[in-house]
Amino acid sequence: MGSLKRFLVYRDTAPEYEEIRGKERVGIPVLVINNGEKIIFDIENLSAEELESLK
């Protein structure tokens, strides 16, 4: 439940979610890194280096 609450704070406040909020979508799947430092919606567009850094 704690993770869901943190996600909802990002979804409701982060500028990256503006388009999603306007369309009444949830915004999942998403990858949130370092407590919102980076928010990624499309993991397929990550470089090999970025993917490796997530491990």
Protein backbone atom coordinates (compact mmCIF):
# COMPACT_ATOMS: atom_id res chain seq x y z
CA MET A 1 0.00 0.00 0.00
CA GLY A 2 2.90 2.36 0.74
CA SER A 3 4.26 1.98 -2.82
CA LEU A 4 0.86 2.74 -4.29
CA LYS A 5 0.55 5.88 -2.16
CA ARG A 6 4.02 7.09 -3.29
CA PHE A 7 3.10 6.39 -6.92
CA LEU A 8 -0.14 8.37 -6.60
CA VAL A 9 1.80 11.37 -5.27
CA TYR A 10 4.06 11.25 -8.36
CA ARG A 11 1.09 10.80 -10.65
CA ASP A 12 -0.81 13.70 -9.14
CA THR A 13 2.10 16.16 -8.95
CA ALA A 14 4.88 15.33 -11.44
CA PRO A 15 4.86 17.33 -14.69
CA GLU A 16 5.64 14.13 -16.62
CA TYR A 17 2.11 12.97 -15.80
CA GLU A 18 0.32 16.08 -17.05
CA GLU A 19 -0.85 14.43 -20.28
CA ILE A 20 -1.94 11.29 -18.45
CA ARG A 21 -3.90 13.24 -15.84
CA GLY A 22 -5.71 15.13 -18.59
CA LYS A 23 -6.90 11.90 -20.17
CA GLU A 24 -8.07 10.34 -16.89
CA ARG A 25 -5.54 7.52 -17.23
CA VAL A 26 -3.69 5.87 -14.37
CA GLY A 27 -0.14 6.06 -15.75
CA ILE A 28 0.91 2.44 -15.31
CA PRO A 29 3.23 0.85 -16.30
CA VAL A 30 5.88 3.29 -15.20
CA LEU A 31 9.36 3.08 -13.76
CA VAL A 32 10.18 5.57 -10.98
CA ILE A 33 13.88 5.88 -10.15
CA ASN A 34 15.40 7.44 -7.02
CA ASN A 35 12.16 8.66 -5.45
CA GLY A 36 11.00 10.44 -8.59
CA GLU A 37 14.35 11.72 -9.85
CA LYS A 38 13.54 10.04 -13.16
CA ILE A 39 10.15 8.82 -14.37
CA ILE A 40 10.07 6.50 -17.38
CA PHE A 41 6.91 5.54 -19.24
CA ASP A 42 8.39 3.71 -22.21
CA ILE A 43 11.16 1.33 -21.16
CA GLU A 44 11.64 0.25 -24.77
CA ASN A 45 13.20 3.65 -25.54
CA LEU A 46 15.93 3.32 -22.90
CA SER A 47 19.50 2.89 -24.04
CA ALA A 48 21.47 -0.24 -23.16
CA GLU A 49 23.45 1.80 -20.61
CA GLU A 50 20.28 3.05 -18.92
CA LEU A 51 18.85 -0.47 -18.78
CA GLU A 52 22.08 -1.79 -17.27
CA SER A 53 22.09 0.93 -14.61
CA LEU A 54 18.66 -0.26 -13.43
CA LYS A 55 19.99 -3.68 -12.43
